[in-house]
């Protein structure tokens, strides 16, 4: 992972990564809304899926959004290493999504599991 994922002060104003940091909180907020919506619209087991999301993935998702908001707004100094390292939690989410995508491709026979 590039260092610029955790420390946006290394990024030049007006570059792609600058826009990335400005748009990231909105992306993660929409991700939370979509995950809750999908959990609540499950016809088979709505309560169980909602409870599972709220207990397992929601704390991680919410912490990523709060860290981004605190750092972008300047409420917390970017030199506070704990908050900047927490930004890298989003890598866990991408890894989980890619694993799920690969498993679905493999079950359809489009990909061989290694």
N, C-alpha and C. Protein backbone atom coordinates (compact mmCIF):
# COMPACT_ATOMS: atom_id res chain seq x y z
N UNK A 1 0.83 -1.19 0.00
CA UNK A 1 0.00 0.00 0.00
C UNK A 1 0.87 1.25 0.00
N UNK A 2 0.51 2.21 -0.80
CA UNK A 2 1.30 3.44 -0.80
C UNK A 2 1.13 4.21 0.50
N UNK A 3 2.19 4.88 0.89
CA UNK A 3 2.17 5.66 2.12
C UNK A 3 1.11 6.76 2.04
N UNK A 4 0.83 7.23 0.85
CA UNK A 4 -0.13 8.32 0.70
C UNK A 4 -1.55 7.92 1.09
N UNK A 5 -1.82 6.61 1.23
CA UNK A 5 -3.15 6.21 1.70
C UNK A 5 -3.38 6.62 3.14
N UNK A 6 -2.33 6.66 3.93
CA UNK A 6 -2.49 7.02 5.34
C UNK A 6 -2.13 8.48 5.62
N UNK A 7 -1.25 9.07 4.82
CA UNK A 7 -0.81 10.43 5.06
C UNK A 7 -1.10 11.32 3.86
N UNK A 8 -2.27 11.93 3.82
CA UNK A 8 -2.62 12.75 2.67
C UNK A 8 -1.83 14.05 2.58
N UNK A 9 -1.12 14.44 3.63
CA UNK A 9 -0.34 15.68 3.54
C UNK A 9 0.81 15.54 2.56
N UNK A 10 1.15 14.29 2.21
CA UNK A 10 2.20 14.05 1.24
C UNK A 10 1.70 14.23 -0.19
N UNK A 11 0.39 14.41 -0.34
CA UNK A 11 -0.24 14.51 -1.65
C UNK A 11 -0.37 15.98 -2.06
N UNK A 12 -0.11 16.26 -3.33
CA UNK A 12 -0.22 17.63 -3.83
C UNK A 12 -1.68 18.00 -4.06
N UNK A 13 -2.00 19.24 -3.78
CA UNK A 13 -3.35 19.75 -3.99
C UNK A 13 -3.70 19.70 -5.48
N UNK A 14 -4.90 19.21 -5.78
CA UNK A 14 -5.36 19.14 -7.16
C UNK A 14 -5.05 17.83 -7.86
N UNK A 15 -4.31 16.94 -7.21
CA UNK A 15 -3.98 15.65 -7.83
C UNK A 15 -5.12 14.66 -7.62
N UNK A 16 -4.99 13.50 -8.23
CA UNK A 16 -5.99 12.45 -8.07
C UNK A 16 -6.14 12.05 -6.61
N UNK A 17 -5.02 11.88 -5.92
CA UNK A 17 -5.08 11.45 -4.52
C UNK A 17 -5.71 12.51 -3.64
N UNK A 18 -5.55 13.78 -3.94
CA UNK A 18 -6.20 14.84 -3.18
C UNK A 18 -7.72 14.70 -3.30
N UNK A 19 -8.21 14.50 -4.53
CA UNK A 19 -9.64 14.28 -4.73
C UNK A 19 -10.10 13.01 -4.02
N UNK A 20 -9.27 11.97 -4.06
CA UNK A 20 -9.58 10.71 -3.38
C UNK A 20 -9.86 10.95 -1.90
N UNK A 21 -9.03 11.73 -1.23
CA UNK A 21 -9.23 11.99 0.19
C UNK A 21 -10.46 12.83 0.47
N UNK A 22 -10.79 13.71 -0.45
CA UNK A 22 -11.99 14.51 -0.26
C UNK A 22 -13.26 13.69 -0.48
N UNK A 23 -13.23 12.73 -1.39
CA UNK A 23 -14.42 11.94 -1.73
C UNK A 23 -14.58 10.68 -0.89
N UNK A 24 -13.51 10.20 -0.28
CA UNK A 24 -13.54 8.94 0.45
C UNK A 24 -14.61 8.86 1.53
N UNK A 25 -14.77 9.87 2.39
CA UNK A 25 -15.81 9.74 3.43
C UNK A 25 -17.21 9.53 2.86
N UNK A 26 -17.51 10.18 1.74
CA UNK A 26 -18.83 10.02 1.13
C UNK A 26 -19.01 8.59 0.60
N UNK A 27 -17.96 8.05 0.02
CA UNK A 27 -18.01 6.67 -0.48
C UNK A 27 -18.29 5.70 0.66
N UNK A 28 -17.58 5.86 1.78
CA UNK A 28 -17.76 4.94 2.90
C UNK A 28 -19.12 5.12 3.58
N UNK A 29 -19.63 6.35 3.60
CA UNK A 29 -20.97 6.57 4.16
C UNK A 29 -22.02 5.85 3.30
N UNK A 30 -21.87 5.94 1.99
CA UNK A 30 -22.80 5.23 1.10
C UNK A 30 -22.65 3.72 1.25
N UNK A 31 -21.44 3.25 1.48
CA UNK A 31 -21.21 1.83 1.72
C UNK A 31 -21.96 1.35 2.96
N UNK A 32 -21.94 2.16 4.02
CA UNK A 32 -22.66 1.81 5.25
C UNK A 32 -24.15 1.77 4.98
N UNK A 33 -24.67 2.79 4.29
CA UNK A 33 -26.10 2.84 3.99
C UNK A 33 -26.52 1.63 3.14
N UNK A 34 -25.73 1.30 2.14
CA UNK A 34 -26.05 0.14 1.29
C UNK A 34 -25.98 -1.17 2.05
N UNK A 35 -25.01 -1.32 2.92
CA UNK A 35 -24.89 -2.56 3.70
C UNK A 35 -26.09 -2.72 4.63
N UNK A 36 -26.50 -1.65 5.27
CA UNK A 36 -27.67 -1.71 6.16
C UNK A 36 -28.93 -1.99 5.34
N UNK A 37 -29.06 -1.35 4.20
CA UNK A 37 -30.23 -1.57 3.34
C UNK A 37 -30.30 -3.02 2.87
N UNK A 38 -29.17 -3.57 2.44
CA UNK A 38 -29.16 -4.97 2.02
C UNK A 38 -29.49 -5.91 3.16
N UNK A 39 -29.01 -5.61 4.36
CA UNK A 39 -29.32 -6.45 5.50
C UNK A 39 -30.81 -6.40 5.85
N UNK A 40 -31.41 -5.22 5.75
CA UNK A 40 -32.82 -5.07 6.11
C UNK A 40 -33.78 -5.59 5.03
N UNK A 41 -33.33 -5.68 3.80
CA UNK A 41 -34.22 -6.15 2.74
C UNK A 41 -34.12 -7.64 2.48
N UNK A 42 -33.29 -8.33 3.26
CA UNK A 42 -33.20 -9.78 3.11
C UNK A 42 -34.51 -10.41 3.59
N UNK A 43 -35.18 -11.13 2.71
CA UNK A 43 -36.49 -11.69 3.04
C UNK A 43 -36.40 -12.88 4.00
N UNK A 44 -35.29 -13.61 3.96
CA UNK A 44 -35.18 -14.81 4.77
C UNK A 44 -34.82 -14.54 6.22
N UNK A 45 -33.79 -13.74 6.44
CA UNK A 45 -33.29 -13.56 7.80
C UNK A 45 -32.83 -12.13 8.03
N UNK A 46 -33.76 -11.22 8.00
CA UNK A 46 -33.48 -9.79 8.09
C UNK A 46 -32.80 -9.42 9.42
N UNK A 47 -33.36 -9.86 10.52
CA UNK A 47 -32.83 -9.48 11.84
C UNK A 47 -31.43 -10.03 12.08
N UNK A 48 -31.22 -11.25 11.68
CA UNK A 48 -29.92 -11.88 11.90
C UNK A 48 -28.83 -11.19 11.08
N UNK A 49 -29.13 -10.88 9.82
CA UNK A 49 -28.14 -10.20 8.97
C UNK A 49 -27.85 -8.79 9.47
N UNK A 50 -28.90 -8.08 9.89
CA UNK A 50 -28.72 -6.74 10.42
C UNK A 50 -27.86 -6.77 11.68
N UNK A 51 -28.18 -7.66 12.59
CA UNK A 51 -27.42 -7.80 13.84
C UNK A 51 -25.97 -8.19 13.55
N UNK A 52 -25.78 -9.07 12.59
CA UNK A 52 -24.44 -9.49 12.23
C UNK A 52 -23.62 -8.32 11.69
N UNK A 53 -24.22 -7.53 10.80
CA UNK A 53 -23.50 -6.37 10.26
C UNK A 53 -23.18 -5.36 11.35
N UNK A 54 -24.16 -5.07 12.20
CA UNK A 54 -23.96 -4.06 13.23
C UNK A 54 -22.90 -4.48 14.24
N UNK A 55 -22.76 -5.77 14.49
CA UNK A 55 -21.78 -6.24 15.47
C UNK A 55 -20.40 -6.49 14.87
N UNK A 56 -20.33 -6.83 13.60
CA UNK A 56 -19.05 -7.22 13.02
C UNK A 56 -18.44 -6.13 12.13
N UNK A 57 -19.13 -5.75 11.09
CA UNK A 57 -18.52 -4.85 10.09
C UNK A 57 -18.79 -3.37 10.36
N UNK A 58 -19.91 -3.04 10.99
CA UNK A 58 -20.24 -1.63 11.21
C UNK A 58 -19.20 -0.88 12.03
N UNK A 59 -18.67 -1.45 13.11
CA UNK A 59 -17.65 -0.71 13.86
C UNK A 59 -16.43 -0.34 13.00
N UNK A 60 -16.00 -1.26 12.14
CA UNK A 60 -14.86 -0.98 11.26
C UNK A 60 -15.22 0.11 10.25
N UNK A 61 -16.38 -0.02 9.62
CA UNK A 61 -16.80 0.96 8.62
C UNK A 61 -16.99 2.35 9.23
N UNK A 62 -17.63 2.40 10.39
CA UNK A 62 -17.87 3.68 11.05
C UNK A 62 -16.55 4.32 11.49
N UNK A 63 -15.61 3.52 11.97
CA UNK A 63 -14.34 4.08 12.40
C UNK A 63 -13.56 4.67 11.23
N UNK A 64 -13.63 4.03 10.07
CA UNK A 64 -12.95 4.57 8.89
C UNK A 64 -13.55 5.92 8.50
N UNK A 65 -14.87 6.04 8.54
CA UNK A 65 -15.52 7.31 8.19
C UNK A 65 -15.17 8.39 9.21
N UNK A 66 -15.24 8.06 10.49
CA UNK A 66 -14.93 9.05 11.52
C UNK A 66 -13.48 9.51 11.45
N UNK A 67 -12.57 8.59 11.22
CA UNK A 67 -11.15 8.96 11.10
C UNK A 67 -10.96 9.90 9.93
N UNK A 68 -11.57 9.59 8.79
CA UNK A 68 -11.44 10.47 7.63
C UNK A 68 -12.01 11.86 7.92
N UNK A 69 -13.17 11.90 8.54
CA UNK A 69 -13.79 13.20 8.83
C UNK A 69 -12.93 14.00 9.80
N UNK A 70 -12.42 13.36 10.85
CA UNK A 70 -11.57 14.06 11.81
C UNK A 70 -10.30 14.59 11.16
N UNK A 71 -9.68 13.79 10.32
CA UNK A 71 -8.42 14.21 9.70
C UNK A 71 -8.62 15.27 8.63
N UNK A 72 -9.66 15.13 7.82
CA UNK A 72 -9.91 16.11 6.75
C UNK A 72 -10.34 17.45 7.34
N UNK A 73 -11.16 17.42 8.39
CA UNK A 73 -11.63 18.67 8.97
C UNK A 73 -10.57 19.37 9.82
N UNK A 74 -9.51 18.66 10.16
CA UNK A 74 -8.45 19.25 10.96
C UNK A 74 -8.70 19.20 12.45
N UNK A 75 -9.72 18.44 12.88
CA UNK A 75 -9.99 18.31 14.31
C UNK A 75 -8.86 17.57 15.04
N UNK A 76 -8.19 16.69 14.32
CA UNK A 76 -7.07 15.94 14.89
C UNK A 76 -5.86 16.19 13.99
N UNK A 77 -4.74 16.43 14.59
CA UNK A 77 -3.51 16.66 13.83
C UNK A 77 -3.11 15.39 13.09
N UNK A 78 -2.68 15.55 11.86
CA UNK A 78 -2.31 14.39 11.04
C UNK A 78 -1.07 13.68 11.57
N UNK A 79 -0.32 14.32 12.43
CA UNK A 79 0.85 13.68 13.01
C UNK A 79 0.48 12.67 14.09
N UNK A 80 -0.78 12.64 14.48
CA UNK A 80 -1.24 11.65 15.45
C UNK A 80 -1.31 10.30 14.74
N UNK A 81 -0.31 9.48 14.91
CA UNK A 81 -0.10 8.27 14.11
C UNK A 81 -1.22 7.25 14.23
N UNK A 82 -1.87 7.15 15.38
CA UNK A 82 -2.94 6.16 15.54
C UNK A 82 -4.06 6.40 14.53
N UNK A 83 -4.50 7.64 14.39
CA UNK A 83 -5.58 7.93 13.45
C UNK A 83 -5.17 7.71 12.01
N UNK A 84 -3.95 8.09 11.69
CA UNK A 84 -3.53 7.91 10.31
C UNK A 84 -3.38 6.43 9.96
N UNK A 85 -2.96 5.62 10.91
CA UNK A 85 -2.85 4.19 10.65
C UNK A 85 -4.23 3.53 10.58
N UNK A 86 -5.21 4.07 11.29
CA UNK A 86 -6.56 3.53 11.23
C UNK A 86 -7.17 3.68 9.83
N UNK A 87 -6.66 4.63 9.07
CA UNK A 87 -7.14 4.79 7.70
C UNK A 87 -6.88 3.54 6.86
N UNK A 88 -5.86 2.81 7.22
CA UNK A 88 -5.50 1.62 6.46
C UNK A 88 -6.46 0.45 6.73
N UNK A 89 -7.40 0.62 7.65
CA UNK A 89 -8.40 -0.42 7.90
C UNK A 89 -9.24 -0.70 6.66
N UNK A 90 -9.36 0.27 5.79
CA UNK A 90 -10.18 0.05 4.60
C UNK A 90 -9.58 -1.03 3.71
N UNK A 91 -8.30 -1.30 3.83
CA UNK A 91 -7.68 -2.38 3.06
C UNK A 91 -8.27 -3.73 3.43
N UNK A 92 -8.68 -3.88 4.69
CA UNK A 92 -9.33 -5.13 5.11
C UNK A 92 -10.66 -5.33 4.39
N UNK A 93 -11.38 -4.27 4.21
CA UNK A 93 -12.67 -4.35 3.52
C UNK A 93 -12.47 -4.75 2.06
N UNK A 94 -11.49 -4.15 1.39
CA UNK A 94 -11.24 -4.49 -0.01
C UNK A 94 -10.81 -5.95 -0.15
N UNK A 95 -10.01 -6.43 0.79
CA UNK A 95 -9.58 -7.83 0.74
C UNK A 95 -10.78 -8.77 0.88
N UNK A 96 -11.69 -8.45 1.77
CA UNK A 96 -12.88 -9.28 1.97
C UNK A 96 -13.77 -9.27 0.73
N UNK A 97 -13.93 -8.11 0.11
CA UNK A 97 -14.76 -8.01 -1.09
C UNK A 97 -14.14 -8.80 -2.24
N UNK A 98 -12.84 -8.69 -2.41
CA UNK A 98 -12.17 -9.44 -3.48
C UNK A 98 -12.25 -10.94 -3.25
N UNK A 99 -12.12 -11.39 -2.01
CA UNK A 99 -12.25 -12.82 -1.71
C UNK A 99 -13.65 -13.32 -2.04
N UNK A 100 -14.66 -12.54 -1.68
CA UNK A 100 -16.04 -12.92 -1.98
C UNK A 100 -16.26 -12.99 -3.50
N UNK A 101 -15.73 -12.01 -4.22
CA UNK A 101 -15.87 -11.98 -5.67
C UNK A 101 -15.18 -13.19 -6.31
N UNK A 102 -13.98 -13.53 -5.85
CA UNK A 102 -13.27 -14.69 -6.37
C UNK A 102 -14.02 -15.98 -6.07
N UNK A 103 -14.59 -16.09 -4.89
CA UNK A 103 -15.35 -17.30 -4.54
C UNK A 103 -16.59 -17.45 -5.42
N UNK A 104 -17.25 -16.36 -5.71
CA UNK A 104 -18.42 -16.44 -6.59
C UNK A 104 -18.04 -16.85 -8.00
N UNK A 105 -16.93 -16.31 -8.50
CA UNK A 105 -16.46 -16.72 -9.82
C UNK A 105 -16.09 -18.20 -9.84
N UNK A 106 -15.47 -18.66 -8.78
CA UNK A 106 -15.05 -20.06 -8.71
C UNK A 106 -16.25 -20.99 -8.65
N UNK A 107 -17.30 -20.63 -7.92
CA UNK A 107 -18.48 -21.49 -7.83
C UNK A 107 -19.24 -21.56 -9.15
N UNK A 108 -19.11 -20.53 -9.98
CA UNK A 108 -19.76 -20.54 -11.30
C UNK A 108 -18.89 -21.24 -12.34
N UNK A 109 -17.68 -21.61 -11.96
CA UNK A 109 -16.81 -22.29 -12.89
C UNK A 109 -16.01 -21.36 -13.78
N UNK A 110 -16.04 -20.05 -13.47
CA UNK A 110 -15.32 -19.08 -14.28
C UNK A 110 -13.87 -18.92 -13.87
N UNK A 111 -13.52 -19.53 -12.74
CA UNK A 111 -12.18 -19.35 -12.22
C UNK A 111 -11.80 -20.58 -11.42
N UNK A 112 -10.56 -20.97 -11.44
CA UNK A 112 -10.10 -22.11 -10.69
C UNK A 112 -9.49 -21.63 -9.39
N UNK A 113 -9.91 -22.21 -8.25
CA UNK A 113 -9.34 -21.83 -6.97
C UNK A 113 -7.92 -22.33 -6.86
N UNK A 114 -7.07 -21.52 -6.31
CA UNK A 114 -5.66 -21.91 -6.15
C UNK A 114 -5.41 -22.23 -4.71
